[in-house]
Amino acid sequence: EGQQIAWASVQELHNYQLLPTMKAFIDSITLPNKYWITPSSNHQDEAWMKKFDEKMTQDISLIQLRSKTTLDNQFITELHNKCQQHSIKLLINTIDKSFKESYCDGWHITTNEMLNLKSRPCTDDKILGASTHNLNEALKAQELGADFVVISPVQATKTHPDTVPLGWNAAIEVVSKLNIPVYFLGGMGLNDLDRTLKIGAQGIAGVSAF
C-alpha cells in the first residue's frame, strides 16, 4: 500500500529507491546475454587494440578488462571512453583494483578475491561480477552481494585441457540455486547461447566465443 507507480526505462531503474529484493530482477533484465572478456596480456599491441575496437560494433554491451599486470590509468580511461560512446559497460579485473576507480562501470573479482572479502566492496550504483567454479563459491558470491557470477568451466577448453569441466548438469544446478544472474564460461560458443538461455542462465561469457 502507498507505493508510487511510475514509468521508467530500463536504464533509469537504478535511480529509484526499490525494495532490495528487486535488485536481482533488475540485474537480470539490464545485463546482456553476452559477456566478453579481453585477452589478459599484450593490452596495447596492435592486435589487442584491433580486437577491442571490433567489439564496439559487434553487439557486445558488457566487457571485462582482464589483466594480470598493472595497467596505466590513462589507458583504462581511454578504453572506458570508447565503451561509453557505444553504450558498453566496462568492468575492471586487474591485480590492483581499489574499487574506487571512476573510469569504469564496475569490477569483476577473482575467486580468491571474493573468498577473502567480508562484504560488497563497492556501491550499488556500480556493477560487481565474480568468478566461481562450483555451487558453494557461487552461493558465497551471492551472499557477498555480487550482481552476477560467472561459473566455469562448463565445458572442456583448449586453454585448460587438464581441467575437468563442470558439465551442464552441475551448471544448471548453480542456476537453479541462485537468485542472481549466472553466465556460463568455458568451451562456450554462440551456438550454446540458446541452450544456455533456455535453462535460465543469463548468457555466455568468453574470450574467443564472440
N, C-alpha and C. Protein backbone atom coordinates (compact mmCIF):
# COMPACT_ATOMS: atom_id res chain seq x y z
N GLU A 1 0.83 -1.19 0.00
CA GLU A 1 0.00 0.00 0.00
C GLU A 1 0.86 1.25 0.00
N GLY A 2 0.35 2.29 -0.63
CA GLY A 2 1.06 3.55 -0.64
C GLY A 2 2.27 3.58 -1.56
N GLN A 3 2.41 2.56 -2.41
CA GLN A 3 3.56 2.50 -3.32
C GLN A 3 3.32 3.42 -4.52
N GLN A 4 4.35 4.16 -4.91
CA GLN A 4 4.24 5.02 -6.07
C GLN A 4 4.48 4.22 -7.34
N ILE A 5 3.78 4.59 -8.39
CA ILE A 5 3.92 3.92 -9.68
C ILE A 5 4.42 4.93 -10.70
N ALA A 6 5.43 4.57 -11.45
CA ALA A 6 5.97 5.47 -12.46
C ALA A 6 6.55 4.65 -13.61
N TRP A 7 6.43 5.20 -14.81
CA TRP A 7 7.06 4.57 -15.97
C TRP A 7 8.54 4.95 -15.97
N ALA A 8 9.39 3.98 -16.22
CA ALA A 8 10.83 4.26 -16.27
C ALA A 8 11.49 3.33 -17.28
N SER A 9 12.49 3.84 -17.95
CA SER A 9 13.24 2.99 -18.87
C SER A 9 14.12 2.04 -18.06
N VAL A 10 14.57 0.98 -18.70
CA VAL A 10 15.44 0.02 -18.02
C VAL A 10 16.68 0.73 -17.47
N GLN A 11 17.21 1.68 -18.24
CA GLN A 11 18.42 2.38 -17.83
C GLN A 11 18.20 3.26 -16.60
N GLU A 12 16.95 3.65 -16.35
CA GLU A 12 16.65 4.55 -15.23
C GLU A 12 16.29 3.83 -13.94
N LEU A 13 16.12 2.52 -14.00
CA LEU A 13 15.62 1.79 -12.84
C LEU A 13 16.50 1.93 -11.61
N HIS A 14 17.83 2.00 -11.82
CA HIS A 14 18.74 2.09 -10.67
C HIS A 14 18.67 3.46 -9.99
N ASN A 15 17.95 4.40 -10.60
CA ASN A 15 17.80 5.73 -9.99
C ASN A 15 16.68 5.78 -8.96
N TYR A 16 15.89 4.70 -8.89
CA TYR A 16 14.75 4.66 -7.99
C TYR A 16 15.08 3.86 -6.73
N GLN A 17 14.44 4.24 -5.64
CA GLN A 17 14.62 3.52 -4.38
C GLN A 17 13.63 2.36 -4.37
N LEU A 18 14.14 1.17 -4.64
CA LEU A 18 13.30 0.00 -4.75
C LEU A 18 13.63 -0.99 -3.64
N LEU A 19 12.74 -1.94 -3.45
CA LEU A 19 12.99 -2.97 -2.45
C LEU A 19 14.26 -3.74 -2.80
N PRO A 20 15.06 -4.13 -1.81
CA PRO A 20 16.29 -4.88 -2.07
C PRO A 20 16.05 -6.15 -2.89
N THR A 21 14.89 -6.75 -2.71
CA THR A 21 14.58 -7.98 -3.44
C THR A 21 14.41 -7.75 -4.94
N MET A 22 14.24 -6.49 -5.34
CA MET A 22 14.07 -6.17 -6.75
C MET A 22 15.40 -6.11 -7.51
N LYS A 23 16.50 -6.01 -6.78
CA LYS A 23 17.79 -5.79 -7.43
C LYS A 23 18.16 -6.92 -8.39
N ALA A 24 17.99 -8.16 -7.96
CA ALA A 24 18.35 -9.29 -8.82
C ALA A 24 17.49 -9.30 -10.08
N PHE A 25 16.22 -8.96 -9.93
CA PHE A 25 15.32 -8.91 -11.09
C PHE A 25 15.77 -7.83 -12.07
N ILE A 26 16.12 -6.66 -11.53
CA ILE A 26 16.57 -5.56 -12.39
C ILE A 26 17.87 -5.94 -13.10
N ASP A 27 18.78 -6.58 -12.36
CA ASP A 27 20.04 -7.01 -12.98
C ASP A 27 19.78 -7.98 -14.13
N SER A 28 18.81 -8.86 -13.95
CA SER A 28 18.55 -9.87 -14.97
C SER A 28 18.00 -9.27 -16.25
N ILE A 29 17.33 -8.11 -16.15
CA ILE A 29 16.79 -7.51 -17.37
C ILE A 29 17.69 -6.41 -17.93
N THR A 30 18.67 -5.98 -17.16
CA THR A 30 19.58 -4.95 -17.66
C THR A 30 20.90 -5.54 -18.16
N LEU A 31 21.29 -6.70 -17.64
CA LEU A 31 22.53 -7.32 -18.11
C LEU A 31 22.30 -8.02 -19.44
N PRO A 32 23.27 -7.99 -20.35
CA PRO A 32 23.11 -8.63 -21.66
C PRO A 32 23.32 -10.14 -21.58
N ASN A 33 23.12 -10.83 -22.71
CA ASN A 33 23.32 -12.28 -22.70
C ASN A 33 24.71 -12.69 -23.19
N LYS A 34 25.54 -11.70 -23.52
CA LYS A 34 26.93 -11.98 -23.92
C LYS A 34 27.87 -11.09 -23.11
N TYR A 35 28.90 -11.70 -22.56
CA TYR A 35 29.87 -11.00 -21.70
C TYR A 35 31.26 -11.31 -22.24
N TRP A 36 31.87 -10.29 -22.88
CA TRP A 36 33.18 -10.51 -23.48
C TRP A 36 34.29 -10.22 -22.48
N ILE A 37 35.27 -11.12 -22.41
CA ILE A 37 36.44 -10.96 -21.54
C ILE A 37 37.65 -10.73 -22.44
N THR A 38 38.37 -9.65 -22.19
CA THR A 38 39.53 -9.35 -23.03
C THR A 38 40.66 -10.33 -22.78
N PRO A 39 41.53 -10.53 -23.77
CA PRO A 39 42.77 -11.27 -23.51
C PRO A 39 43.52 -10.59 -22.36
N SER A 40 44.20 -11.37 -21.54
CA SER A 40 44.76 -10.83 -20.29
C SER A 40 46.18 -10.29 -20.41
N SER A 41 46.72 -10.25 -21.63
CA SER A 41 48.08 -9.72 -21.80
C SER A 41 48.21 -8.98 -23.13
N ASN A 42 49.34 -8.30 -23.31
CA ASN A 42 49.63 -7.55 -24.54
C ASN A 42 48.54 -6.53 -24.86
N HIS A 43 48.11 -5.81 -23.84
CA HIS A 43 46.95 -4.94 -23.97
C HIS A 43 47.10 -3.81 -24.99
N GLN A 44 48.29 -3.30 -25.15
CA GLN A 44 48.43 -2.14 -26.01
C GLN A 44 49.06 -2.44 -27.36
N ASP A 45 49.18 -3.73 -27.69
CA ASP A 45 49.71 -4.01 -29.02
C ASP A 45 48.59 -3.91 -30.06
N GLU A 46 48.96 -3.89 -31.31
CA GLU A 46 48.00 -3.61 -32.38
C GLU A 46 46.89 -4.65 -32.46
N ALA A 47 47.24 -5.93 -32.31
CA ALA A 47 46.25 -7.00 -32.42
C ALA A 47 45.22 -6.90 -31.30
N TRP A 48 45.69 -6.61 -30.07
CA TRP A 48 44.78 -6.49 -28.92
C TRP A 48 43.82 -5.33 -29.14
N MET A 49 44.35 -4.18 -29.54
CA MET A 49 43.52 -2.99 -29.74
C MET A 49 42.53 -3.20 -30.89
N LYS A 50 42.95 -3.90 -31.93
CA LYS A 50 42.05 -4.17 -33.04
C LYS A 50 40.87 -5.01 -32.58
N LYS A 51 41.16 -6.03 -31.78
CA LYS A 51 40.10 -6.90 -31.26
C LYS A 51 39.14 -6.12 -30.37
N PHE A 52 39.69 -5.24 -29.52
CA PHE A 52 38.85 -4.43 -28.64
C PHE A 52 37.97 -3.50 -29.46
N ASP A 53 38.55 -2.85 -30.44
CA ASP A 53 37.78 -1.91 -31.28
C ASP A 53 36.69 -2.63 -32.06
N GLU A 54 36.95 -3.85 -32.48
CA GLU A 54 35.94 -4.62 -33.22
C GLU A 54 34.70 -4.87 -32.37
N LYS A 55 34.91 -5.06 -31.06
CA LYS A 55 33.79 -5.35 -30.17
C LYS A 55 32.86 -4.15 -30.01
N MET A 56 33.33 -2.96 -30.36
CA MET A 56 32.50 -1.77 -30.25
C MET A 56 31.30 -1.83 -31.18
N THR A 57 31.39 -2.64 -32.23
CA THR A 57 30.30 -2.72 -33.21
C THR A 57 29.81 -4.15 -33.41
N GLN A 58 30.00 -5.01 -32.42
CA GLN A 58 29.63 -6.43 -32.57
C GLN A 58 28.54 -6.88 -31.61
N ASP A 59 27.63 -6.02 -31.29
CA ASP A 59 26.51 -6.39 -30.41
C ASP A 59 27.00 -6.90 -29.05
N ILE A 60 28.05 -6.28 -28.54
CA ILE A 60 28.57 -6.57 -27.20
C ILE A 60 28.31 -5.35 -26.34
N SER A 61 27.71 -5.53 -25.17
CA SER A 61 27.41 -4.37 -24.32
C SER A 61 27.95 -4.51 -22.90
N LEU A 62 28.73 -5.58 -22.65
CA LEU A 62 29.38 -5.75 -21.35
C LEU A 62 30.75 -6.37 -21.58
N ILE A 63 31.80 -5.67 -21.11
CA ILE A 63 33.17 -6.10 -21.32
C ILE A 63 33.93 -6.15 -20.00
N GLN A 64 34.68 -7.22 -19.81
CA GLN A 64 35.59 -7.32 -18.67
C GLN A 64 37.01 -7.06 -19.15
N LEU A 65 37.62 -6.00 -18.64
CA LEU A 65 39.02 -5.71 -18.94
C LEU A 65 39.86 -6.52 -17.97
N ARG A 66 40.45 -7.59 -18.47
CA ARG A 66 41.19 -8.53 -17.61
C ARG A 66 42.68 -8.35 -17.81
N SER A 67 43.41 -8.25 -16.71
CA SER A 67 44.86 -8.12 -16.80
C SER A 67 45.52 -8.70 -15.56
N LYS A 68 46.59 -9.44 -15.76
CA LYS A 68 47.35 -9.99 -14.65
C LYS A 68 48.50 -9.07 -14.25
N THR A 69 48.58 -7.92 -14.92
CA THR A 69 49.60 -6.92 -14.60
C THR A 69 48.92 -5.57 -14.39
N THR A 70 49.67 -4.61 -13.87
CA THR A 70 49.14 -3.27 -13.66
C THR A 70 48.98 -2.55 -15.00
N LEU A 71 47.84 -1.90 -15.18
CA LEU A 71 47.59 -1.13 -16.39
C LEU A 71 47.58 0.36 -16.07
N ASP A 72 48.03 1.15 -17.03
CA ASP A 72 48.05 2.60 -16.86
C ASP A 72 46.63 3.14 -16.77
N ASN A 73 46.39 4.01 -15.80
CA ASN A 73 45.05 4.57 -15.60
C ASN A 73 44.54 5.31 -16.83
N GLN A 74 45.43 6.01 -17.50
CA GLN A 74 45.04 6.76 -18.69
C GLN A 74 44.59 5.81 -19.80
N PHE A 75 45.27 4.68 -19.91
CA PHE A 75 44.90 3.67 -20.91
C PHE A 75 43.49 3.13 -20.63
N ILE A 76 43.22 2.81 -19.37
CA ILE A 76 41.90 2.31 -19.00
C ILE A 76 40.84 3.37 -19.25
N THR A 77 41.15 4.62 -18.93
CA THR A 77 40.22 5.72 -19.15
C THR A 77 39.86 5.84 -20.63
N GLU A 78 40.85 5.70 -21.49
CA GLU A 78 40.61 5.78 -22.93
C GLU A 78 39.70 4.64 -23.40
N LEU A 79 39.92 3.45 -22.86
CA LEU A 79 39.05 2.32 -23.20
C LEU A 79 37.63 2.56 -22.72
N HIS A 80 37.51 3.09 -21.50
CA HIS A 80 36.19 3.37 -20.94
C HIS A 80 35.46 4.42 -21.78
N ASN A 81 36.18 5.43 -22.22
CA ASN A 81 35.57 6.46 -23.07
C ASN A 81 35.04 5.87 -24.37
N LYS A 82 35.80 4.95 -24.95
CA LYS A 82 35.35 4.27 -26.17
C LYS A 82 34.06 3.50 -25.89
N CYS A 83 34.05 2.79 -24.77
CA CYS A 83 32.88 2.00 -24.41
C CYS A 83 31.65 2.89 -24.21
N GLN A 84 31.83 4.00 -23.54
CA GLN A 84 30.72 4.91 -23.29
C GLN A 84 30.12 5.43 -24.59
N GLN A 85 30.96 5.65 -25.58
CA GLN A 85 30.48 6.15 -26.87
C GLN A 85 29.58 5.13 -27.57
N HIS A 86 29.69 3.86 -27.17
CA HIS A 86 28.90 2.80 -27.79
C HIS A 86 27.94 2.14 -26.79
N SER A 87 27.69 2.82 -25.67
CA SER A 87 26.77 2.31 -24.63
C SER A 87 27.18 0.93 -24.13
N ILE A 88 28.48 0.73 -23.97
CA ILE A 88 29.02 -0.53 -23.47
C ILE A 88 29.53 -0.32 -22.05
N LYS A 89 29.21 -1.26 -21.16
CA LYS A 89 29.69 -1.21 -19.78
C LYS A 89 31.05 -1.89 -19.69
N LEU A 90 31.99 -1.23 -19.01
CA LEU A 90 33.34 -1.78 -18.84
C LEU A 90 33.60 -2.11 -17.38
N LEU A 91 33.90 -3.37 -17.12
CA LEU A 91 34.25 -3.82 -15.77
C LEU A 91 35.76 -4.09 -15.70
N ILE A 92 36.37 -3.69 -14.60
CA ILE A 92 37.82 -3.85 -14.43
C ILE A 92 38.12 -5.12 -13.63
N ASN A 93 39.03 -5.92 -14.15
CA ASN A 93 39.54 -7.08 -13.42
C ASN A 93 41.06 -7.07 -13.54
N THR A 94 41.69 -6.22 -12.73
CA THR A 94 43.14 -6.10 -12.72
C THR A 94 43.66 -6.48 -11.34
N ILE A 95 44.95 -6.67 -11.22
CA ILE A 95 45.51 -7.14 -9.95
C ILE A 95 45.53 -6.06 -8.88
N ASP A 96 45.37 -4.81 -9.29
CA ASP A 96 45.49 -3.71 -8.33
C ASP A 96 44.21 -2.90 -8.18
N LYS A 97 43.07 -3.53 -8.39
CA LYS A 97 41.80 -2.81 -8.30
C LYS A 97 41.57 -2.30 -6.87
N SER A 98 41.06 -1.08 -6.76
CA SER A 98 40.82 -0.48 -5.44
C SER A 98 39.33 -0.33 -5.15
N PHE A 99 38.49 -0.58 -6.16
CA PHE A 99 37.04 -0.40 -6.07
C PHE A 99 36.66 1.07 -5.88
N LYS A 100 37.60 1.95 -6.19
CA LYS A 100 37.33 3.39 -6.13
C LYS A 100 37.57 4.05 -7.49
N GLU A 101 37.98 3.26 -8.47
CA GLU A 101 38.26 3.82 -9.79
C GLU A 101 36.98 4.42 -10.39
N SER A 102 37.12 5.61 -10.93
CA SER A 102 35.97 6.30 -11.53
C SER A 102 35.84 6.00 -13.01
N TYR A 103 36.91 5.45 -13.60
CA TYR A 103 36.93 5.23 -15.05
C TYR A 103 36.46 3.82 -15.41
N CYS A 104 35.36 3.40 -14.84
CA CYS A 104 34.78 2.10 -15.16
C CYS A 104 33.33 2.09 -14.70
N ASP A 105 32.62 1.03 -15.10
CA ASP A 105 31.23 0.87 -14.68
C ASP A 105 31.09 -0.16 -13.57
N GLY A 106 32.22 -0.72 -13.16
CA GLY A 106 32.20 -1.70 -12.09
C GLY A 106 33.45 -2.56 -12.13
N TRP A 107 33.39 -3.67 -11.42
CA TRP A 107 34.56 -4.54 -11.28
C TRP A 107 34.16 -6.00 -11.39
N HIS A 108 35.11 -6.80 -11.81
CA HIS A 108 34.94 -8.25 -11.78
C HIS A 108 36.02 -8.80 -10.87
N ILE A 109 35.62 -9.57 -9.87
CA ILE A 109 36.57 -10.09 -8.89
C ILE A 109 36.87 -11.57 -9.15
N THR A 110 38.11 -11.95 -8.84
CA THR A 110 38.51 -13.34 -8.98
C THR A 110 37.92 -14.16 -7.83
N THR A 111 38.01 -15.46 -7.95
CA THR A 111 37.50 -16.33 -6.89
C THR A 111 38.22 -16.06 -5.57
N ASN A 112 39.54 -15.95 -5.61
CA ASN A 112 40.30 -15.69 -4.39
C ASN A 112 39.93 -14.36 -3.76
N GLU A 113 39.77 -13.34 -4.57
CA GLU A 113 39.35 -12.04 -4.04
C GLU A 113 37.99 -12.15 -3.37
N MET A 114 37.08 -12.84 -4.03
CA MET A 114 35.73 -12.99 -3.50
C MET A 114 35.74 -13.72 -2.16
N LEU A 115 36.52 -14.79 -2.06
CA LEU A 115 36.55 -15.58 -0.83
C LEU A 115 37.19 -14.82 0.34
N ASN A 116 38.01 -13.82 0.03
CA ASN A 116 38.68 -13.05 1.08
C ASN A 116 37.93 -11.78 1.48
N LEU A 117 36.87 -11.46 0.76
CA LEU A 117 36.09 -10.27 1.09
C LEU A 117 35.02 -10.62 2.12
N LYS A 118 34.74 -9.67 3.01
CA LYS A 118 33.72 -9.86 4.04
C LYS A 118 32.40 -9.20 3.67
N SER A 119 32.45 -8.22 2.77
CA SER A 119 31.24 -7.52 2.35
C SER A 119 31.44 -6.98 0.95
N ARG A 120 30.37 -6.55 0.34
CA ARG A 120 30.44 -6.00 -1.02
C ARG A 120 31.40 -4.81 -1.02
N PRO A 121 32.39 -4.80 -1.91
CA PRO A 121 33.43 -3.78 -1.86
C PRO A 121 33.11 -2.48 -2.58
N CYS A 122 31.95 -2.41 -3.22
CA CYS A 122 31.62 -1.21 -3.98
C CYS A 122 30.16 -0.83 -3.76
N THR A 123 29.82 0.36 -4.20
CA THR A 123 28.46 0.87 -4.03
C THR A 123 27.51 0.19 -5.01
N ASP A 124 26.22 0.30 -4.74
CA ASP A 124 25.23 -0.39 -5.55
C ASP A 124 25.06 0.20 -6.94
N ASP A 125 25.56 1.42 -7.16
CA ASP A 125 25.43 2.01 -8.49
C ASP A 125 26.49 1.49 -9.45
N LYS A 126 27.41 0.68 -8.95
CA LYS A 126 28.41 0.03 -9.79
C LYS A 126 28.06 -1.45 -9.94
N ILE A 127 28.55 -2.07 -11.01
CA ILE A 127 28.30 -3.49 -11.26
C ILE A 127 29.43 -4.31 -10.64
N LEU A 128 29.07 -5.41 -9.98
CA LEU A 128 30.07 -6.30 -9.41
C LEU A 128 29.83 -7.72 -9.89
N GLY A 129 30.79 -8.25 -10.65
CA GLY A 129 30.73 -9.63 -11.09
C GLY A 129 31.77 -10.46 -10.36
N ALA A 130 31.57 -11.77 -10.31
CA ALA A 130 32.50 -12.65 -9.58
C ALA A 130 32.72 -13.95 -10.34
N SER A 131 33.96 -14.41 -10.35
CA SER A 131 34.30 -15.70 -10.95
C SER A 131 34.11 -16.81 -9.93
N THR A 132 33.44 -17.88 -10.33
CA THR A 132 33.21 -19.01 -9.43
C THR A 132 33.39 -20.31 -10.21
N HIS A 133 33.63 -21.39 -9.46
CA HIS A 133 33.91 -22.67 -10.11
C HIS A 133 33.06 -23.81 -9.56
N ASN A 134 32.20 -23.51 -8.62
CA ASN A 134 31.29 -24.53 -8.09
C ASN A 134 30.13 -23.84 -7.38
N LEU A 135 29.17 -24.64 -6.93
CA LEU A 135 27.98 -24.09 -6.30
C LEU A 135 28.30 -23.34 -5.03
N ASN A 136 29.17 -23.87 -4.19
CA ASN A 136 29.49 -23.20 -2.92
C ASN A 136 30.08 -21.82 -3.15
N GLU A 137 30.98 -21.71 -4.12
CA GLU A 137 31.57 -20.41 -4.42
C GLU A 137 30.53 -19.45 -4.97
N ALA A 138 29.64 -19.96 -5.80
CA ALA A 138 28.59 -19.12 -6.37
C ALA A 138 27.66 -18.59 -5.28
N LEU A 139 27.32 -19.44 -4.32
CA LEU A 139 26.47 -19.01 -3.21
C LEU A 139 27.18 -17.98 -2.35
N LYS A 140 28.48 -18.15 -2.16
CA LYS A 140 29.28 -17.18 -1.40
C LYS A 140 29.28 -15.83 -2.10
N ALA A 141 29.43 -15.83 -3.42
CA ALA A 141 29.41 -14.59 -4.19
C ALA A 141 28.06 -13.89 -4.06
N GLN A 142 26.99 -14.67 -4.11
CA GLN A 142 25.66 -14.09 -3.94
C GLN A 142 25.51 -13.47 -2.56
N GLU A 143 25.97 -14.18 -1.55
CA GLU A 143 25.90 -13.67 -0.17
C GLU A 143 26.72 -12.39 -0.02
N LEU A 144 27.82 -12.30 -0.73
CA LEU A 144 28.68 -11.13 -0.67
C LEU A 144 28.02 -9.90 -1.27
N GLY A 145 27.09 -10.13 -2.20
CA GLY A 145 26.41 -9.01 -2.84
C GLY A 145 26.78 -8.81 -4.29
N ALA A 146 27.36 -9.84 -4.92
CA ALA A 146 27.69 -9.75 -6.34
C ALA A 146 26.41 -9.59 -7.15
N ASP A 147 26.50 -8.84 -8.23
CA ASP A 147 25.35 -8.64 -9.10
C ASP A 147 25.16 -9.82 -10.05
N PHE A 148 26.23 -10.52 -10.34
CA PHE A 148 26.15 -11.72 -11.17
C PHE A 148 27.40 -12.56 -10.93
N VAL A 149 27.33 -13.83 -11.32
CA VAL A 149 28.50 -14.70 -11.24
C VAL A 149 28.78 -15.30 -12.61
N VAL A 150 30.02 -15.66 -12.80
CA VAL A 150 30.44 -16.45 -13.95
C VAL A 150 30.86 -17.81 -13.41
N ILE A 151 30.26 -18.88 -13.92
CA ILE A 151 30.60 -20.22 -13.47
C ILE A 151 31.40 -20.90 -14.58
N SER A 152 32.53 -21.53 -14.19
CA SER A 152 33.37 -22.15 -15.21
C SER A 152 34.25 -23.25 -14.61
N PRO A 153 34.81 -24.13 -15.48
CA PRO A 153 34.48 -24.25 -16.91
C PRO A 153 33.28 -25.19 -17.09
N VAL A 154 32.33 -24.77 -17.87
CA VAL A 154 31.15 -25.61 -18.10
C VAL A 154 31.51 -26.76 -19.03
N GLN A 155 32.29 -26.47 -20.06
CA GLN A 155 32.73 -27.50 -21.00
C GLN A 155 34.26 -27.49 -21.08
N ALA A 156 34.80 -28.50 -21.71
CA ALA A 156 36.26 -28.60 -21.86
C ALA A 156 36.77 -27.43 -22.70
N THR A 157 37.97 -26.97 -22.37
CA THR A 157 38.56 -25.85 -23.10
C THR A 157 39.96 -26.20 -23.61
N LYS A 158 40.34 -25.54 -24.70
CA LYS A 158 41.68 -25.76 -25.26
C LYS A 158 42.74 -25.09 -24.40
N THR A 159 42.37 -24.01 -23.72
CA THR A 159 43.35 -23.27 -22.91
C THR A 159 43.67 -23.98 -21.60
N HIS A 160 42.72 -24.80 -21.09
CA HIS A 160 42.96 -25.55 -19.85
C HIS A 160 42.55 -27.02 -20.07
N PRO A 161 43.30 -27.73 -20.92
CA PRO A 161 42.90 -29.10 -21.29
C PRO A 161 42.90 -30.09 -20.14
N ASP A 162 43.65 -29.81 -19.08
CA ASP A 162 43.73 -30.75 -17.96
C ASP A 162 42.66 -30.50 -16.89
N THR A 163 41.90 -29.42 -17.05
CA THR A 163 40.86 -29.09 -16.08
C THR A 163 39.58 -29.85 -16.39
N VAL A 164 39.05 -30.54 -15.40
CA VAL A 164 37.81 -31.30 -15.60
C VAL A 164 36.63 -30.32 -15.61
N PRO A 165 35.84 -30.29 -16.69
CA PRO A 165 34.71 -29.35 -16.75
C PRO A 165 33.60 -29.73 -15.79
N LEU A 166 32.81 -28.74 -15.40
CA LEU A 166 31.68 -28.98 -14.52
C LEU A 166 30.62 -29.83 -15.19
N GLY A 167 30.39 -29.56 -16.46
CA GLY A 167 29.32 -30.22 -17.17
C GLY A 167 28.03 -29.42 -17.06
N TRP A 168 27.10 -29.68 -17.95
CA TRP A 168 25.86 -28.92 -17.99
C TRP A 168 24.99 -29.14 -16.76
N ASN A 169 24.93 -30.35 -16.27
CA ASN A 169 24.06 -30.63 -15.12
C ASN A 169 24.48 -29.84 -13.88
N ALA A 170 25.78 -29.77 -13.62
CA ALA A 170 26.27 -29.01 -12.47
C ALA A 170 26.03 -27.52 -12.67
N ALA A 171 26.21 -27.05 -13.90
CA ALA A 171 25.97 -25.64 -14.19
C ALA A 171 24.50 -25.28 -14.03
N ILE A 172 23.64 -26.19 -14.45
CA ILE A 172 22.20 -25.97 -14.30
C ILE A 172 21.82 -25.90 -12.82
N GLU A 173 22.46 -26.73 -11.99
CA GLU A 173 22.19 -26.70 -10.55
C GLU A 173 22.54 -25.33 -9.96
N VAL A 174 23.65 -24.75 -10.40
CA VAL A 174 24.04 -23.42 -9.93
C VAL A 174 22.95 -22.41 -10.27
N VAL A 175 22.46 -22.45 -11.50
CA VAL A 175 21.40 -21.53 -11.92
C VAL A 175 20.16 -21.71 -11.05
N SER A 176 19.81 -22.95 -10.76
CA SER A 176 18.58 -23.23 -10.00
C SER A 176 18.67 -22.80 -8.55
N LYS A 177 19.89 -22.75 -7.99
CA LYS A 177 20.06 -22.44 -6.57
C LYS A 177 20.33 -20.95 -6.32
N LEU A 178 20.66 -20.21 -7.36
CA LEU A 178 20.99 -18.79 -7.18
C LEU A 178 19.83 -17.88 -7.55
N ASN A 179 19.81 -16.71 -6.93
CA ASN A 179 18.79 -15.72 -7.25
C ASN A 179 19.36 -14.57 -8.07
N ILE A 180 20.63 -14.67 -8.45
CA ILE A 180 21.27 -13.63 -9.25
C ILE A 180 21.66 -14.21 -10.61
N PRO A 181 21.87 -13.37 -11.61
CA PRO A 181 22.22 -13.86 -12.94
C PRO A 181 23.51 -14.67 -12.96
N VAL A 182 23.53 -15.68 -13.83
CA VAL A 182 24.68 -16.58 -13.97
C VAL A 182 25.10 -16.65 -15.43
N TYR A 183 26.38 -16.40 -15.68
CA TYR A 183 26.95 -16.58 -17.02
C TYR A 183 27.74 -17.88 -17.05
N PHE A 184 27.67 -18.59 -18.17
CA PHE A 184 28.45 -19.81 -18.36
C PHE A 184 29.72 -19.47 -19.14
N LEU A 185 30.85 -19.99 -18.66
CA LEU A 185 32.15 -19.76 -19.30
C LEU A 185 32.89 -21.09 -19.44
N GLY A 186 33.66 -21.20 -20.51
CA GLY A 186 34.48 -22.40 -20.69
C GLY A 186 33.95 -23.28 -21.81
N GLY A 187 34.60 -23.22 -22.96
CA GLY A 187 34.17 -24.02 -24.09
C GLY A 187 32.87 -23.57 -24.71
N MET A 188 32.46 -22.35 -24.41
CA MET A 188 31.18 -21.85 -24.89
C MET A 188 31.35 -21.11 -26.22
N GLY A 189 30.33 -21.24 -27.07
CA GLY A 189 30.29 -20.51 -28.33
C GLY A 189 28.89 -19.98 -28.55
N LEU A 190 28.71 -19.18 -29.58
CA LEU A 190 27.38 -18.62 -29.84
C LEU A 190 26.34 -19.71 -30.07
N ASN A 191 26.77 -20.87 -30.54
CA ASN A 191 25.83 -21.98 -30.75
C ASN A 191 25.31 -22.54 -29.44
N ASP A 192 25.95 -22.19 -28.32
CA ASP A 192 25.48 -22.64 -27.00
C ASP A 192 24.54 -21.64 -26.34
N LEU A 193 24.38 -20.46 -26.94
CA LEU A 193 23.62 -19.40 -26.29
C LEU A 193 22.16 -19.76 -26.08
N ASP A 194 21.50 -20.29 -27.08
CA ASP A 194 20.08 -20.64 -26.95
C ASP A 194 19.86 -21.65 -25.84
N ARG A 195 20.69 -22.68 -25.80
CA ARG A 195 20.56 -23.71 -24.75
C ARG A 195 20.76 -23.09 -23.38
N THR A 196 21.74 -22.20 -23.28
CA THR A 196 22.04 -21.54 -22.01
C THR A 196 20.86 -20.71 -21.52
N LEU A 197 20.25 -19.97 -22.44
CA LEU A 197 19.11 -19.13 -22.06
C LEU A 197 17.89 -19.98 -21.68
N LYS A 198 17.68 -21.07 -22.37
CA LYS A 198 16.52 -21.91 -22.11
C LYS A 198 16.56 -22.55 -20.72
N ILE A 199 17.75 -22.76 -20.17
CA ILE A 199 17.84 -23.36 -18.84
C ILE A 199 17.89 -22.31 -17.74
N GLY A 200 17.76 -21.04 -18.13
CA GLY A 200 17.62 -19.99 -17.12
C GLY A 200 18.86 -19.19 -16.80
N ALA A 201 19.98 -19.49 -17.47
CA ALA A 201 21.19 -18.70 -17.24
C ALA A 201 21.06 -17.34 -17.92
N GLN A 202 21.88 -16.39 -17.49
CA GLN A 202 21.84 -15.06 -18.09
C GLN A 202 22.39 -15.07 -19.51
N GLY A 203 23.42 -15.90 -19.73
CA GLY A 203 24.03 -15.96 -21.04
C GLY A 203 25.39 -16.62 -20.97
N ILE A 204 26.24 -16.29 -21.93
CA ILE A 204 27.57 -16.89 -22.00
C ILE A 204 28.65 -15.83 -21.91
N ALA A 205 29.80 -16.23 -21.40
CA ALA A 205 30.97 -15.36 -21.31
C ALA A 205 32.13 -16.04 -22.01
N GLY A 206 33.06 -15.24 -22.50
CA GLY A 206 34.21 -15.84 -23.13
C GLY A 206 35.18 -14.83 -23.70
N VAL A 207 36.37 -15.32 -23.98
CA VAL A 207 37.41 -14.51 -24.61
C VAL A 207 37.32 -14.64 -26.12
N SER A 208 37.17 -15.87 -26.59
CA SER A 208 37.14 -16.12 -28.03
C SER A 208 35.78 -16.61 -28.51
N ALA A 209 34.77 -16.53 -27.66
CA ALA A 209 33.44 -17.04 -28.01
C ALA A 209 32.72 -16.15 -29.00
N PHE A 210 33.11 -14.88 -29.07
CA PHE A 210 32.39 -13.92 -29.92
C PHE A 210 33.31 -13.35 -31.00
